[in-house]
């Protein structure tokens, strides 16, 4: 069976597959947000420390397990111990949850990409109301980019409890996104291995182009200064360290089974230690590089909004006090406001409620993460660039490549155990298995294209793969070190690759990494308990902004079920194996 197992064409193809999977949307939108939240340049200190004590060791562990056992996640952990088959099942369940909602991001990227060829960009201006007398009221209260996202793309409902059905345009984009993924995985490693060259390298080309453009934008230096000015007091903030560990953990895609699946197609003599170091360093470097690009564009957006605010105040005061054009400038505005307030107190008091408080710092402090950063903040900046259509097409094409690259890893984590299973592969060819997985995921994913789908998307994004992954990776690490045995595993690695384990890997695997995961696990549990009733952000069309609402009881029950459905696979798998062994012993026991 080992000889019949397909292999990557060369080690470079495997590295590209891992990079394409690990380097994803989290590098572009979550890491910059964390930098902004936790002290800019000072956040890099806990981030780099966590890379070496958590990210790199656990990545090497999963690659080594996959290459040694030469099976998907279920078979690999069953080979270590029959009682651990539930660990692999839990990984497959989490990967299935992820694939259901993650491809919706690619559907949104397709939607924006198709609209990027219009002139002007549809999110650059507010549409007229039904009477064509003024702009749409909801859009005027929000912004044109927010309106396009919440109303035109999502057509979002006021709450998770109100729903009127599937939106056909996002649904068609989702079908297209799944069709692309299916074509990429159709022939297994043969087709995936060729696609990953493109999905792994093209985002870097676009990021480099965006970096050159971003650095030449007016106000880019404001954003970069904001990012790299360290706030050293944040080093004493435990949340900064916890979020650094979490970002490394999820960015590398640990616990999903994708890395084990990819490594299972390696030549047994492959130097997976070197590849683990390369992939983890490239992944972290990409996060920092993407942040430089993001903050240069973010600085341009903040500066543009700040100067636009100043110009509106100058125009208001110039017209109200009948001043000469050019008399008020950005440099003397504050001084002139004081003068006008003291010289014409009654008139100034009438105008004062209309004067906005313009602040570059507050514009830069506006923290946005996730879909908000990708589809609102970036589009806000793009619409103000010259040749905005070109930059929009490049940006959303890059998002697509990042998303598809990650989807190839997610689907590999599901398909590899299925194609390894003799029960499934005996009746269905791998093309049919791939098609059924994609079809099922697409059908369930239609939930996220409803007008309340965005709220369900947030539930899956926040709860489907947090506690579950921490528990999976903790059990994985303990299993290798204390069930299979660290010495035995080292001996197997030496016989495979000709290289043993040095003290660094042993200390991390046996002690530091498990303790860190336990700490993260306790933090998440405490955070959920202390939070009380879980809440979500709902779009209020009357105010043109997000408002906080409590999840209804059935949503809370679903969240609990979502977390339990994967985590319970581990004890249930062990219990099932124990029961089967007891039954077998009972059947073979000699009769009295």
Protein backbone atom coordinates (compact mmCIF):
# COMPACT_ATOMS: atom_id res chain seq x y z
CA UNK A 1 0.00 0.00 0.00
CA UNK A 2 2.89 2.39 0.78
CA UNK A 3 4.31 1.97 -2.71
CA UNK A 4 0.90 2.72 -4.24
CA UNK A 5 0.50 5.92 -2.23
CA UNK A 6 0.88 9.02 -4.43
CA UNK A 7 3.80 11.35 -3.68
CA UNK A 8 4.54 15.01 -4.29
CA UNK A 9 6.50 15.47 -7.51
CA UNK A 10 9.34 17.05 -5.48
CA UNK A 11 9.95 18.51 -1.99
CA UNK A 12 9.45 22.05 -3.31
CA UNK A 13 5.87 21.19 -4.25
CA UNK A 14 5.21 20.07 -0.66
CA UNK A 15 6.70 23.30 0.76
CA UNK A 16 4.56 25.39 -1.60
CA UNK A 17 1.46 23.43 -0.55
CA UNK A 18 2.20 24.11 3.14
CA UNK A 19 2.90 27.80 2.48
CA UNK A 20 -0.23 28.15 0.35
CA UNK A 21 -2.27 26.58 3.17
CA UNK A 22 -0.65 28.40 6.13
CA UNK A 23 -0.36 31.84 4.54
CA UNK A 24 -3.97 32.91 4.36
CA UNK A 25 -6.42 35.68 5.09
CA UNK A 26 -5.41 35.77 8.77
CA UNK A 27 -1.99 37.11 7.76
CA UNK A 28 -3.60 39.97 5.84
CA UNK A 29 -6.43 41.00 8.14
CA UNK A 30 -5.97 39.57 11.67
CA UNK A 31 -2.27 40.16 12.32
CA UNK A 32 -2.39 43.90 11.38
CA UNK A 33 -5.40 44.29 13.67
CA UNK A 34 -3.51 42.67 16.58
CA UNK A 35 -0.51 44.94 15.93
CA UNK A 36 -2.83 47.91 16.12
CA UNK A 37 -4.48 46.68 19.31
CA UNK A 38 -1.38 45.65 21.25
CA UNK A 39 1.30 48.25 20.83
CA UNK A 40 2.44 48.19 17.20
CA UNK A 41 6.10 47.20 17.08
CA UNK A 42 6.08 45.95 20.68
CA UNK A 43 3.55 43.21 19.71
CA UNK A 44 6.31 41.63 17.62
CA UNK A 45 8.18 40.66 20.82
CA UNK A 46 5.55 38.18 22.17
CA UNK A 47 4.72 37.13 18.60
CA UNK A 48 8.29 36.06 17.77
CA UNK A 49 8.74 34.35 21.18
CA UNK A 50 5.53 32.36 20.63
CA UNK A 51 6.72 31.40 17.16
CA UNK A 52 9.73 29.58 18.65
CA UNK A 53 8.07 28.05 21.72
CA UNK A 54 4.77 27.06 20.11
CA UNK A 55 4.43 27.49 16.35
CA UNK A 56 7.61 25.91 15.02
CA UNK A 57 7.67 22.86 17.38
CA UNK A 58 4.00 21.97 16.84
CA UNK A 59 4.29 22.40 13.07
CA UNK A 60 7.27 20.03 13.02
CA UNK A 61 5.35 17.56 15.20
CA UNK A 62 2.41 17.37 12.79
CA UNK A 63 4.63 17.11 9.69
CA UNK A 64 6.71 14.37 11.34
CA UNK A 65 3.59 12.39 12.34
CA UNK A 66 2.13 12.59 8.84
CA UNK A 67 5.40 11.59 7.17
CA UNK A 68 6.04 8.73 9.63
CA UNK A 69 2.54 7.21 9.57
CA UNK A 70 1.88 7.94 5.85
CA UNK A 71 -1.85 8.30 6.43
CA UNK A 72 -4.45 11.01 6.94
CA UNK A 73 -5.27 12.30 10.43
CA UNK A 74 -7.59 9.41 11.41
CA UNK A 75 -5.22 6.64 10.29
CA UNK A 76 -2.14 8.41 11.65
CA UNK A 77 -3.46 8.72 15.21
CA UNK A 78 -4.99 5.23 15.10
CA UNK A 79 -1.53 3.92 14.19
CA UNK A 80 -0.07 5.61 17.29
CA UNK A 81 -2.84 4.11 19.45
CA UNK A 82 -6.26 2.63 18.58
CA UNK A 83 -7.68 4.73 21.39
CA UNK A 84 -6.65 7.94 19.56
CA UNK A 85 -8.73 7.48 16.41
CA UNK A 86 -11.15 10.07 17.81
CA UNK A 87 -8.41 12.72 17.56
CA UNK A 88 -8.31 12.27 13.78
CA UNK A 89 -12.10 12.27 13.57
CA UNK A 90 -12.21 15.53 15.58
CA UNK A 91 -9.71 17.10 13.13
CA UNK A 92 -11.87 16.05 10.16
CA UNK A 93 -15.02 17.46 11.81
CA UNK A 94 -13.33 20.82 12.52
CA UNK A 95 -11.96 20.94 8.95
CA UNK A 96 -15.44 20.23 7.60
CA UNK A 97 -16.87 23.09 9.68
CA UNK A 98 -14.11 25.35 8.41
CA UNK A 99 -14.59 24.41 4.76
CA UNK A 100 -18.33 25.10 5.02
CA UNK A 101 -17.90 28.76 6.01
CA UNK A 102 -14.38 29.64 4.81
CA UNK A 103 -15.27 29.33 1.13
CA UNK A 104 -17.97 31.95 1.65
CA UNK A 105 -15.10 34.48 1.93
CA UNK A 106 -13.98 33.38 -1.54
CA UNK A 107 -17.56 33.86 -2.75
CA UNK A 108 -17.51 37.44 -1.42
CA UNK A 109 -14.11 37.99 -3.06
CA UNK A 110 -15.57 36.80 -6.39
CA UNK A 111 -18.50 39.20 -5.93
CA UNK A 112 -16.21 42.18 -5.33
CA UNK A 113 -13.86 41.11 -8.13
CA UNK A 114 -16.72 41.08 -10.67
CA UNK A 115 -17.81 44.56 -9.52
CA UNK A 116 -14.23 45.88 -9.67
CA UNK A 117 -14.46 46.33 -13.45
CA UNK A 118 -17.15 49.02 -13.16
CA UNK A 119 -16.37 52.71 -13.51
CA UNK A 120 -16.92 54.24 -11.04
CA UNK A 121 -16.58 51.48 -8.47
CA UNK A 122 -20.07 50.69 -7.11
CA UNK A 123 -18.97 51.24 -3.50
CA UNK A 124 -17.38 54.63 -4.22
CA UNK A 125 -20.65 56.63 -4.13
CA UNK A 126 -24.02 56.32 -2.43
CA UNK A 127 -26.95 55.42 -4.71
CA UNK A 128 -29.93 57.76 -5.12
CA UNK A 129 -33.14 57.08 -3.22
CA UNK A 130 -36.36 55.89 -4.89
CA UNK A 131 -37.46 59.44 -5.74
CA UNK A 132 -34.02 60.37 -7.18
CA UNK A 133 -34.09 63.51 -5.04
CA UNK A 134 -31.16 62.70 -2.72
CA UNK A 135 -28.87 59.88 -1.67
CA UNK A 136 -30.15 56.71 0.01
CA UNK A 137 -30.80 57.46 3.69
CA UNK A 138 -29.08 54.33 5.03
CA UNK A 139 -25.98 55.01 2.92
CA UNK A 140 -25.80 58.65 4.04
CA UNK A 141 -25.87 57.62 7.71
CA UNK A 142 -23.14 55.03 7.14
CA UNK A 143 -20.58 55.27 4.31
CA UNK A 144 -20.73 54.14 0.68
CA UNK A 145 -18.36 51.21 1.39
CA UNK A 146 -20.36 50.09 4.44
CA UNK A 147 -23.58 50.38 2.46
CA UNK A 148 -22.23 48.26 -0.39
CA UNK A 149 -21.01 45.60 2.04
CA UNK A 150 -24.00 45.37 4.39
CA UNK A 151 -26.82 46.14 1.95
CA UNK A 152 -25.68 45.22 -1.58
CA UNK A 153 -23.41 42.25 -0.75
CA UNK A 154 -24.99 40.73 2.36
CA UNK A 155 -28.42 42.42 2.28
CA UNK A 156 -28.13 41.86 5.99
CA UNK A 157 -31.13 41.46 8.29
CA UNK A 158 -31.51 43.51 11.51
CA UNK A 159 -30.83 40.45 13.69
CA UNK A 160 -30.01 36.75 13.58
CA UNK A 161 -33.69 35.98 14.33
CA UNK A 162 -35.00 37.68 11.17
CA UNK A 163 -34.46 35.80 7.93
CA UNK A 164 -36.15 35.88 4.53
CA UNK A 165 -34.15 33.35 2.53
CA UNK A 166 -31.10 32.86 0.32
CA UNK A 167 -29.65 35.78 -1.67
CA UNK A 168 -29.18 34.36 -5.17
CA UNK A 169 -26.16 36.46 -6.23
CA UNK A 170 -23.87 35.47 -3.29
CA UNK A 171 -25.22 31.91 -3.68
CA UNK A 172 -24.06 31.78 -7.32
CA UNK A 173 -20.65 33.13 -6.27
CA UNK A 174 -20.43 30.39 -3.62
CA UNK A 175 -21.20 27.71 -6.23
CA UNK A 176 -18.45 29.18 -8.43
CA UNK A 177 -15.99 29.18 -5.49
CA UNK A 178 -16.69 25.49 -4.80
CA UNK A 179 -16.37 24.63 -8.50
CA UNK A 180 -12.89 26.21 -8.56
CA UNK A 181 -11.87 24.27 -5.44
CA UNK A 182 -13.19 21.01 -6.92
CA UNK A 183 -11.21 21.49 -10.14
CA UNK A 184 -8.06 22.14 -8.08
CA UNK A 185 -8.40 18.95 -5.99
CA UNK A 186 -9.86 16.71 -8.72
CA UNK A 187 -6.70 14.65 -9.34
CA UNK A 188 -5.32 14.71 -5.78
CA UNK A 189 -1.65 15.66 -5.38
CA UNK A 190 -1.24 15.63 -9.17
CA UNK A 191 -3.53 18.64 -9.66
CA UNK A 192 -3.09 20.27 -6.23
CA UNK A 193 0.71 20.17 -6.57
CA UNK A 194 0.53 22.31 -9.71
CA UNK A 195 -2.07 24.74 -8.41
CA UNK A 196 -0.13 25.54 -5.21
CA UNK A 197 2.75 27.07 -7.18
CA UNK A 198 0.26 29.70 -8.32
CA UNK A 199 -1.76 30.15 -5.10
CA UNK A 200 1.41 30.39 -2.98
CA UNK A 201 3.43 32.77 -5.16
CA UNK A 202 0.86 35.14 -6.70
CA UNK A 203 -0.22 36.80 -3.39
CA UNK A 204 3.42 37.81 -2.83
CA UNK A 205 3.57 39.42 -6.27
CA UNK A 206 0.41 41.41 -5.52
CA UNK A 207 1.65 42.36 -2.02
CA UNK A 208 4.91 43.65 -3.51
CA UNK A 209 2.98 45.72 -6.09
CA UNK A 210 0.73 47.03 -3.30
CA UNK A 211 3.76 47.82 -1.14
CA UNK A 212 5.30 49.99 -3.87
CA UNK A 213 1.94 51.71 -4.43
CA UNK A 214 1.19 52.00 -0.72
CA UNK A 215 4.53 53.66 0.12
CA UNK A 216 3.92 56.31 -2.55
CA UNK A 217 0.46 57.23 -1.21
CA UNK A 218 -0.05 60.49 0.64
CA UNK A 219 -0.12 59.76 4.38
CA UNK A 220 1.44 56.28 4.15
CA UNK A 221 4.18 57.30 6.58
CA UNK A 222 1.52 58.18 9.18
CA UNK A 223 0.31 54.60 9.12
CA UNK A 224 3.79 53.07 9.24
CA UNK A 225 4.83 55.37 12.10
CA UNK A 226 1.69 54.33 13.97
CA UNK A 227 2.46 50.64 13.42
CA UNK A 228 6.13 50.66 14.37
CA UNK A 229 5.95 53.07 17.31
CA UNK A 230 6.19 50.60 20.21
CA UNK A 231 3.90 50.95 23.21
CA UNK A 232 6.08 49.11 25.69
CA UNK A 233 3.42 49.08 28.41
CA UNK A 234 1.56 46.48 26.29
CA UNK A 235 4.34 43.96 27.06
CA UNK A 236 2.88 43.76 30.57
CA UNK A 237 -0.59 43.03 29.16
CA UNK A 238 -1.28 39.26 29.38
CA UNK A 239 -3.83 39.54 26.55
CA UNK A 240 -1.06 40.64 24.16
CA UNK A 241 0.84 37.40 24.87
CA UNK A 242 -2.29 35.25 24.68
CA UNK A 243 -3.31 36.78 21.35
CA UNK A 244 0.23 36.37 20.00
CA UNK A 245 0.13 32.66 20.88
CA UNK A 246 -3.35 32.28 19.40
CA UNK A 247 -2.36 34.05 16.16
CA UNK A 248 0.66 31.75 15.67
CA UNK A 249 -1.47 28.72 16.46
CA UNK A 250 -4.29 29.44 14.02
CA UNK A 251 -2.17 31.07 11.34
CA UNK A 252 -0.12 27.90 10.84
CA UNK A 253 -3.30 25.81 10.69
CA UNK A 254 -2.37 23.43 13.51
CA UNK A 255 -4.84 20.73 14.54
CA UNK A 256 -6.95 20.66 11.37
CA UNK A 257 -5.19 17.58 9.99
CA UNK A 258 -4.21 19.40 6.77
CA UNK A 259 -0.48 19.40 7.57
CA UNK A 260 -0.59 15.71 8.48
CA UNK A 261 -2.39 14.99 5.19
CA UNK A 262 0.15 16.95 3.14
CA UNK A 263 3.13 15.31 4.91
CA UNK A 264 1.67 11.84 4.36
CA UNK A 265 2.42 12.22 0.63
CA UNK A 266 6.11 12.94 1.32
CA UNK A 267 8.99 10.63 0.61
CA UNK A 268 9.81 9.03 4.02
CA UNK A 269 13.39 10.35 3.80
CA UNK A 270 12.21 13.95 3.37
CA UNK A 271 13.78 16.47 5.79
CA UNK A 272 10.52 17.64 7.40
CA UNK A 273 12.41 19.45 10.19
CA UNK A 274 13.93 21.87 7.67
CA UNK A 275 10.57 22.34 5.97
CA UNK A 276 8.82 23.06 9.30
CA UNK A 277 11.35 25.83 10.02
CA UNK A 278 11.04 27.26 6.49
CA UNK A 279 7.22 27.27 6.45
CA UNK A 280 6.86 28.80 9.94
CA UNK A 281 9.41 31.55 9.23
CA UNK A 282 7.85 32.39 5.85
CA UNK A 283 4.38 32.47 7.42
CA UNK A 284 5.43 34.88 10.18
CA UNK A 285 7.49 37.05 7.81
CA UNK A 286 4.45 37.30 5.53
CA UNK A 287 2.33 38.55 8.44
CA UNK A 288 4.82 41.34 9.15
CA UNK A 289 5.22 42.14 5.44
CA UNK A 290 1.42 42.23 4.93
CA UNK A 291 1.14 44.56 7.95
CA UNK A 292 3.54 47.04 6.35
CA UNK A 293 1.38 47.01 3.21
CA UNK A 294 -1.84 47.29 5.24
CA UNK A 295 -0.65 50.15 7.45
CA UNK A 296 0.71 52.17 4.51
CA UNK A 297 -2.78 51.97 2.93
CA UNK A 298 -4.42 52.44 6.32
CA UNK A 299 -2.33 55.59 6.83
CA UNK A 300 -3.48 56.91 3.45
CA UNK A 301 -7.14 56.26 4.32
CA UNK A 302 -6.82 57.87 7.78
CA UNK A 303 -4.98 60.91 6.36
CA UNK A 304 -7.53 61.28 3.55
CA UNK A 305 -10.45 61.19 6.02
CA UNK A 306 -8.67 63.59 8.40
CA UNK A 307 -7.90 66.14 5.69
CA UNK A 308 -11.40 65.79 4.27
CA UNK A 309 -12.79 66.53 7.73
CA UNK A 310 -10.55 69.61 8.03
CA UNK A 311 -11.65 70.89 4.61
CA UNK A 312 -15.33 70.59 5.60
CA UNK A 313 -14.70 72.58 8.81
CA UNK A 314 -12.73 75.23 6.88
CA UNK A 315 -15.53 75.54 4.29
CA UNK A 316 -18.16 75.80 7.04
CA UNK A 317 -16.31 78.57 8.92
CA UNK A 318 -15.39 80.41 5.70
CA UNK A 319 -19.04 80.53 4.58
CA UNK A 320 -20.47 81.24 8.05
CA UNK A 321 -18.13 84.18 8.79
CA UNK A 322 -17.80 85.32 5.15
CA UNK A 323 -14.00 84.96 5.17
CA UNK A 324 -11.80 85.15 2.11
CA UNK A 325 -10.92 81.88 0.35
CA UNK A 326 -7.56 80.65 1.58
CA UNK A 327 -7.73 82.72 4.76
CA UNK A 328 -8.29 79.58 6.83
CA UNK A 329 -5.79 76.75 6.43
CA UNK A 330 -5.13 73.46 8.18
CA UNK A 331 -2.11 74.99 9.96
CA UNK A 332 -3.94 78.01 11.44
CA UNK A 333 -7.38 76.42 11.91
CA UNK A 334 -7.19 75.85 15.68
CA UNK A 335 -5.82 79.35 16.27
CA UNK A 336 -8.55 80.91 14.11
CA UNK A 337 -11.28 78.89 15.83
CA UNK A 338 -10.18 80.38 19.17
CA UNK A 339 -10.12 83.88 17.63
CA UNK A 340 -13.59 83.55 16.06
CA UNK A 341 -15.05 82.12 19.30
CA UNK A 342 -13.77 85.10 21.32
CA UNK A 343 -14.57 87.79 18.71
CA UNK A 344 -18.03 86.53 17.59
CA UNK A 345 -19.23 84.39 20.55
CA UNK A 346 -22.95 84.32 19.70
CA UNK A 347 -22.45 83.50 16.02
CA UNK A 348 -19.77 80.89 16.82
CA UNK A 349 -22.08 79.18 19.32
CA UNK A 350 -24.66 78.74 16.52
CA UNK A 351 -22.10 77.16 14.19
CA UNK A 352 -20.29 75.11 16.87
CA UNK A 353 -22.62 72.03 16.85
CA UNK A 354 -21.80 71.54 13.14
CA UNK A 355 -18.01 71.70 13.64
CA UNK A 356 -16.52 68.20 13.63
CA UNK A 357 -13.59 67.34 15.86
CA UNK A 358 -10.96 66.22 13.34
CA UNK A 359 -8.15 64.01 14.68
CA UNK A 360 -5.61 61.97 12.74
CA UNK A 361 -4.88 59.90 15.87
CA UNK A 362 -8.53 58.90 16.30
CA UNK A 363 -8.72 57.92 12.63
CA UNK A 364 -5.67 55.68 13.10
CA UNK A 365 -7.05 54.28 16.37
CA UNK A 366 -10.18 52.96 14.66
CA UNK A 367 -9.54 49.23 14.97
CA UNK A 368 -11.22 46.99 12.41
CA UNK A 369 -10.60 43.28 11.95
CA UNK A 370 -11.84 40.37 9.87
CA UNK A 371 -14.27 40.98 7.05
CA UNK A 372 -14.52 44.65 8.05
CA UNK A 373 -10.83 45.21 7.26
CA UNK A 374 -10.94 43.23 4.01
CA UNK A 375 -14.20 44.50 2.54
CA UNK A 376 -14.71 47.95 4.11
CA UNK A 377 -11.38 49.54 5.12
CA UNK A 378 -9.45 48.37 2.04
CA UNK A 379 -12.28 49.32 -0.34
CA UNK A 380 -12.49 52.72 1.37
CA UNK A 381 -8.82 53.29 0.56
CA UNK A 382 -8.98 51.78 -2.95
CA UNK A 383 -11.86 54.03 -4.07
CA UNK A 384 -9.68 57.10 -3.40
CA UNK A 385 -6.70 55.83 -5.41
CA UNK A 386 -6.01 56.72 -9.01
CA UNK A 387 -6.96 53.92 -11.44
CA UNK A 388 -8.99 52.42 -8.60
CA UNK A 389 -10.37 49.60 -10.78
CA UNK A 390 -6.86 48.19 -11.31
CA UNK A 391 -6.04 48.19 -7.58
CA UNK A 392 -9.41 46.68 -6.76
CA UNK A 393 -8.96 43.81 -9.24
CA UNK A 394 -5.44 43.10 -7.93
CA UNK A 395 -6.55 43.15 -4.29
CA UNK A 396 -9.55 40.85 -4.63
CA UNK A 397 -7.66 38.49 -6.92
CA UNK A 398 -5.01 38.23 -4.19
CA UNK A 399 -7.73 37.50 -1.59
CA UNK A 400 -9.03 34.75 -3.85
CA UNK A 401 -5.59 33.14 -4.18
CA UNK A 402 -5.08 33.27 -0.40
CA UNK A 403 -8.53 31.82 0.23
CA UNK A 404 -8.27 29.06 -2.39
CA UNK A 405 -4.79 28.07 -1.14
CA UNK A 406 -6.18 27.64 2.37
CA UNK A 407 -9.20 25.73 1.04
CA UNK A 408 -6.90 23.20 -0.67
CA UNK A 409 -5.44 22.38 2.76
CA UNK A 410 -8.87 22.24 4.41
CA UNK A 411 -10.27 19.84 1.83
CA UNK A 412 -7.10 17.71 1.93
CA UNK A 413 -7.69 17.22 5.68
CA UNK A 414 -11.15 15.81 4.90
CA UNK A 415 -10.39 13.87 1.72
CA UNK A 416 -7.16 12.12 2.73
CA UNK A 417 -8.75 10.07 5.58
CA UNK A 418 -11.70 9.24 3.30
CA UNK A 419 -9.54 8.08 0.37
CA UNK A 420 -7.31 6.15 2.81
CA UNK A 421 -10.38 4.32 4.12
CA UNK A 422 -10.85 0.98 2.36
CA UNK A 423 -14.58 1.07 3.12
CA UNK A 424 -15.10 4.34 1.20
CA UNK A 425 -12.47 4.01 -1.56
CA UNK A 426 -13.66 0.47 -2.41
CA UNK A 427 -16.97 1.82 -3.73
CA UNK A 428 -16.11 5.35 -4.89
CA UNK A 429 -13.20 6.76 -6.93
CA UNK A 430 -11.39 9.76 -5.41
CA UNK A 431 -12.98 12.13 -7.97
CA UNK A 432 -16.45 11.11 -6.75
CA UNK A 433 -15.42 11.42 -3.08
CA UNK A 434 -14.05 14.93 -3.77
CA UNK A 435 -17.23 15.88 -5.61
CA UNK A 436 -19.51 14.67 -2.82
CA UNK A 437 -17.51 16.53 -0.14
CA UNK A 438 -17.61 19.76 -2.20
CA UNK A 439 -21.32 19.33 -2.96
CA UNK A 440 -22.24 18.72 0.68
CA UNK A 441 -20.12 21.65 1.90
CA UNK A 442 -21.62 23.95 -0.74
CA UNK A 443 -25.18 22.89 0.15
CA UNK A 444 -24.63 23.58 3.88
CA UNK A 445 -22.73 26.78 3.02
CA UNK A 446 -25.90 28.21 1.44
CA UNK A 447 -26.95 29.06 5.01
CA UNK A 448 -24.29 31.81 4.97
CA UNK A 449 -25.75 33.41 1.82
CA UNK A 450 -29.06 34.18 3.55
CA UNK A 451 -29.71 37.71 4.82
CA UNK A 452 -28.97 36.47 8.36
CA UNK A 453 -26.08 34.33 7.06
CA UNK A 454 -23.40 36.80 8.12
CA UNK A 455 -24.37 36.28 11.78
CA UNK A 456 -24.09 32.48 11.39
CA UNK A 457 -20.76 33.01 9.63
CA UNK A 458 -19.50 34.87 12.72
CA UNK A 459 -20.68 32.01 14.96
CA UNK A 460 -18.70 29.45 12.95
CA UNK A 461 -15.70 31.78 12.70
CA UNK A 462 -15.65 32.47 16.45
CA UNK A 463 -16.55 29.08 17.92
CA UNK A 464 -16.11 26.21 15.43
CA UNK A 465 -12.33 26.04 15.75
CA UNK A 466 -11.11 27.60 19.00
CA UNK A 467 -11.43 25.32 22.04
CA UNK A 468 -11.66 22.29 19.74
CA UNK A 469 -8.29 22.91 18.09
CA UNK A 470 -6.55 23.62 21.40
CA UNK A 471 -7.80 20.31 22.80
CA UNK A 472 -6.85 18.41 19.60
CA UNK A 473 -3.28 19.73 19.51
CA UNK A 474 -2.84 19.17 23.26
CA UNK A 475 -3.86 15.51 22.89
CA UNK A 476 -1.62 15.19 19.80
CA UNK A 477 1.44 16.45 21.68
CA UNK A 478 0.81 14.30 24.77
CA UNK A 479 0.14 11.26 22.56
CA UNK A 480 3.45 11.52 20.69
CA UNK A 481 5.52 12.21 23.82
CA UNK A 482 3.84 9.98 26.40
CA UNK A 483 1.70 7.38 24.57
CA UNK A 484 3.81 6.55 21.52
CA UNK A 485 6.93 7.57 23.43
CA UNK A 486 9.37 10.37 22.63
CA UNK A 487 12.38 8.02 22.42
CA UNK A 488 10.54 5.64 20.10
CA UNK A 489 9.38 8.55 17.91
CA UNK A 490 12.94 9.91 17.77
CA UNK A 491 14.20 6.48 16.75
CA UNK A 492 11.60 6.31 13.96
CA UNK A 493 12.57 9.77 12.71
CA UNK A 494 16.26 8.85 12.71
CA UNK A 495 15.58 5.67 10.72
CA UNK A 496 13.44 7.64 8.22
CA UNK A 497 15.47 10.81 7.71
CA UNK A 498 18.85 9.97 9.24
CA UNK A 499 18.41 12.84 11.75
CA UNK A 500 17.60 12.67 15.45
CA UNK A 501 15.94 15.25 17.70
CA UNK A 502 18.01 17.90 19.46
CA UNK A 503 17.25 19.21 22.95
CA UNK A 504 15.12 22.13 21.64
CA UNK A 505 12.44 19.94 20.04
CA UNK A 506 12.35 17.55 23.02
CA UNK A 507 11.89 20.32 25.61
CA UNK A 508 9.21 22.06 23.54
CA UNK A 509 7.23 18.89 22.78
CA UNK A 510 7.48 17.30 26.22
CA UNK A 511 6.94 20.38 28.39
CA UNK A 512 6.75 23.96 27.15
CA UNK A 513 4.24 23.60 24.27
CA UNK A 514 1.69 21.46 26.21
CA UNK A 515 1.81 23.84 29.19
CA UNK A 516 1.27 26.79 26.87
CA UNK A 517 -1.72 25.11 25.21
CA UNK A 518 -3.22 24.29 28.64
CA UNK A 519 -2.81 27.97 29.61
CA UNK A 520 -4.58 29.06 26.40
CA UNK A 521 -7.34 26.51 27.02
CA UNK A 522 -7.93 27.81 30.57
CA UNK A 523 -7.91 31.42 29.32
CA UNK A 524 -10.58 30.69 26.69
CA UNK A 525 -12.78 28.84 29.20
CA UNK A 526 -12.48 31.66 31.75
CA UNK A 527 -13.13 34.26 29.07
CA UNK A 528 -16.33 32.50 27.96
CA UNK A 529 -17.49 32.12 31.58
CA UNK A 530 -16.71 35.73 32.58
CA UNK A 531 -18.25 37.15 29.39
CA UNK A 532 -21.69 36.02 30.54
CA UNK A 533 -24.27 36.07 27.74
CA UNK A 534 -22.54 35.84 24.38
CA UNK A 535 -23.18 38.79 22.08
CA UNK A 536 -22.86 39.68 18.41
CA UNK A 537 -22.69 42.77 16.24
CA UNK A 538 -25.91 43.42 14.26
CA UNK A 539 -26.36 46.02 11.52
CA UNK A 540 -28.89 48.76 12.35
CA UNK A 541 -30.02 50.32 9.04
CA UNK A 542 -31.81 53.22 10.80
CA UNK A 543 -28.55 54.32 12.48
CA UNK A 544 -26.17 53.18 9.73
CA UNK A 545 -23.92 51.40 12.21
CA UNK A 546 -23.36 48.16 14.12
CA UNK A 547 -25.11 47.61 17.44
CA UNK A 548 -24.48 44.92 20.06
CA UNK A 549 -27.17 42.32 20.69
CA UNK A 550 -27.46 39.17 22.81
CA UNK A 551 -27.58 35.81 21.05
CA UNK A 552 -31.03 34.15 21.37
CA UNK A 553 -31.21 30.88 23.36
CA UNK A 554 -31.29 28.64 20.26
CA UNK A 555 -28.09 30.30 18.92
CA UNK A 556 -26.37 29.69 22.27
CA UNK A 557 -27.47 26.05 22.16
CA UNK A 558 -26.08 25.76 18.61
CA UNK A 559 -22.73 27.25 19.73
CA UNK A 560 -22.52 24.64 22.50
CA UNK A 561 -23.36 21.88 20.02
CA UNK A 562 -20.78 23.21 17.56
CA UNK A 563 -17.98 23.05 20.13
CA UNK A 564 -19.10 19.70 21.58
CA UNK A 565 -19.54 17.95 18.21
CA UNK A 566 -15.79 18.02 17.55
CA UNK A 567 -14.32 17.84 21.07
CA UNK A 568 -16.53 14.90 22.08
CA UNK A 569 -15.09 12.83 19.21
CA UNK A 570 -11.89 12.32 21.26
CA UNK A 571 -13.40 10.64 24.37
CA UNK A 572 -16.11 8.91 22.32
CA UNK A 573 -13.47 7.44 19.98
CA UNK A 574 -11.50 6.06 22.93
CA UNK A 575 -14.68 4.74 24.57
CA UNK A 576 -15.78 3.08 21.33
CA UNK A 577 -12.42 1.34 20.91
CA UNK A 578 -12.51 0.16 24.53
CA UNK A 579 -16.05 -1.22 24.06
CA UNK A 580 -15.10 -3.02 20.83
CA UNK A 581 -12.10 -4.64 22.53
CA UNK A 582 -14.23 -5.76 25.45
CA UNK A 583 -16.77 -7.32 23.05
CA UNK A 584 -14.01 -9.12 21.16
CA UNK A 585 -12.54 -10.45 24.39
CA UNK A 586 -16.02 -11.62 25.41
CA UNK A 587 -16.54 -13.40 22.06
CA UNK A 588 -13.20 -15.21 22.24
CA UNK A 589 -13.44 -16.17 25.92
CA UNK A 590 -13.52 -19.99 26.43
CA UNK A 591 -16.85 -21.43 27.43
CA UNK A 592 -17.16 -22.88 30.94
